[in-house]
Amino acid sequence: MIKKRIKKISELVFLITIRQIWKLLCNLYHMIEQPFLTFKKLIVKDRDKSQMFLVGIVFLMPILAYSVARVVWDYYRFGLIINGVGMFFLIVSGIEFFLLAYLGYWIIRVMRSK
């Protein structure tokens, strides 16, 4: 009885995960092709908060991953967090700035067109 429920729940979780990943990949592709329509669909029509969250996380992931890796490595190697940052951090920050500017530009355009 419990094994059947666990199996059904795990199948549902798997299907929901596949669906969310598919929608995320479609949204990321359409952000390149038709960013205005994609954001309009996400923000105004569907109001799909899970997809908005996933898209935001995708755009924030480079800086978050680098920051966590930097803290872990500094504690492991030196025992404290080093103040100076390298060229790689500046490159990642620049890419992150342009990604967030792109995202913000289209979100503002969609919000103004309501």
Protein backbone atom coordinates (compact mmCIF):
# COMPACT_ATOMS: atom_id res chain seq x y z
CA MET A 1 0.00 0.00 0.00
CA ILE A 2 2.66 2.50 1.04
CA LYS A 3 4.98 1.35 -1.74
CA LYS A 4 2.26 2.02 -4.33
CA ARG A 5 1.68 5.51 -2.97
CA ILE A 6 5.37 6.26 -2.94
CA LYS A 7 5.64 4.99 -6.49
CA LYS A 8 2.69 7.13 -7.64
CA ILE A 9 4.03 10.21 -5.88
CA SER A 10 7.49 9.70 -7.37
CA GLU A 11 5.97 9.30 -10.85
CA LEU A 12 4.00 12.53 -10.41
CA VAL A 13 7.08 14.36 -9.16
CA PHE A 14 9.03 13.09 -12.16
CA LEU A 15 6.34 14.22 -14.61
CA ILE A 16 6.02 17.65 -12.99
CA THR A 17 9.80 18.06 -13.09
CA ILE A 18 9.93 17.15 -16.78
CA ARG A 19 7.09 19.58 -17.51
CA GLN A 20 8.77 22.45 -15.66
CA ILE A 21 12.12 21.81 -17.35
CA TRP A 22 10.45 21.70 -20.76
CA LYS A 23 8.60 24.96 -20.14
CA LEU A 24 11.80 26.58 -18.82
CA LEU A 25 13.76 25.57 -21.91
CA CYS A 26 10.95 26.81 -24.16
CA ASN A 27 10.84 30.13 -22.29
CA LEU A 28 14.61 30.55 -22.49
CA TYR A 29 14.55 29.86 -26.23
CA HIS A 30 11.67 32.27 -26.77
CA MET A 31 13.46 34.95 -24.73
CA ILE A 32 16.09 34.98 -27.43
CA GLU A 33 13.60 34.89 -30.31
CA GLN A 34 10.66 36.93 -28.96
CA PRO A 35 11.50 38.43 -25.57
CA PHE A 36 8.55 40.83 -25.44
CA LEU A 37 5.94 38.17 -26.14
CA THR A 38 7.58 35.70 -23.77
CA PHE A 39 7.65 38.11 -20.84
CA LYS A 40 4.13 39.27 -21.64
CA LYS A 41 2.96 35.66 -21.55
CA LEU A 42 4.79 34.98 -18.27
CA ILE A 43 3.83 38.19 -16.47
CA VAL A 44 0.43 39.22 -17.83
CA LYS A 45 -1.33 36.19 -19.30
CA ASP A 46 -0.20 33.06 -17.46
CA ARG A 47 1.15 34.61 -14.26
CA ASP A 48 3.17 31.43 -13.91
CA LYS A 49 5.17 32.22 -10.78
CA SER A 50 7.18 29.00 -10.90
CA GLN A 51 8.45 29.80 -14.39
CA MET A 52 9.23 33.40 -13.45
CA PHE A 53 11.19 32.08 -10.46
CA LEU A 54 13.09 29.56 -12.60
CA VAL A 55 13.95 32.17 -15.23
CA GLY A 56 15.19 34.53 -12.52
CA ILE A 57 17.32 31.78 -10.98
CA VAL A 58 18.81 30.94 -14.37
CA PHE A 59 19.88 34.55 -14.79
CA LEU A 60 21.24 34.82 -11.24
CA MET A 61 23.02 31.46 -11.18
CA PRO A 62 26.45 32.49 -12.56
CA ILE A 63 27.16 35.00 -9.80
CA LEU A 64 25.63 32.81 -7.07
CA ALA A 65 27.64 29.75 -8.12
CA TYR A 66 30.88 31.73 -8.32
CA SER A 67 30.30 33.39 -4.94
CA VAL A 68 29.58 30.10 -3.17
CA ALA A 69 32.55 28.40 -4.82
CA ARG A 70 34.78 31.32 -3.88
CA VAL A 71 33.76 31.23 -0.22
CA VAL A 72 34.18 27.46 0.01
CA TRP A 73 37.57 27.53 -1.71
CA ASP A 74 38.86 30.43 0.40
CA TYR A 75 37.85 28.69 3.64
CA TYR A 76 39.38 25.43 2.47
CA ARG A 77 42.63 26.88 1.14
CA PHE A 78 43.29 29.88 3.38
CA GLY A 79 40.96 29.51 6.37
CA LEU A 80 39.29 32.88 5.72
CA ILE A 81 37.66 34.84 2.92
CA ILE A 82 40.19 36.85 0.92
CA ASN A 83 39.28 40.48 0.18
CA GLY A 84 40.80 40.69 -3.29
CA VAL A 85 38.98 39.27 -6.27
CA GLY A 86 40.47 38.15 -9.53
CA MET A 87 39.81 38.91 -13.17
CA PHE A 88 37.38 35.99 -13.42
CA PHE A 89 35.08 37.61 -10.87
CA LEU A 90 35.06 40.85 -12.88
CA ILE A 91 34.21 38.94 -16.06
CA VAL A 92 31.39 37.03 -14.34
CA SER A 93 30.09 40.28 -12.82
CA GLY A 94 30.10 41.96 -16.23
CA ILE A 95 28.21 39.10 -17.85
CA GLU A 96 25.75 39.07 -14.96
CA PHE A 97 25.20 42.83 -15.29
CA PHE A 98 24.39 42.52 -18.99
CA LEU A 99 22.06 39.56 -18.41
CA LEU A 100 20.17 41.39 -15.67
CA ALA A 101 20.02 44.58 -17.77
CA TYR A 102 18.54 42.57 -20.67
CA LEU A 103 16.02 40.94 -18.35
CA GLY A 104 15.12 44.25 -16.70
CA TYR A 105 14.73 46.06 -20.02
CA TRP A 106 12.16 43.59 -21.32
CA ILE A 107 10.30 43.38 -18.02
CA ILE A 108 9.99 47.20 -17.94
CA ARG A 109 8.76 47.23 -21.56
CA VAL A 110 6.11 44.62 -20.74
CA MET A 111 4.99 46.43 -17.59
CA ARG A 112 4.65 49.73 -19.48
CA SER A 113 2.59 48.15 -22.24
CA LYS A 114 -0.08 46.80 -19.87
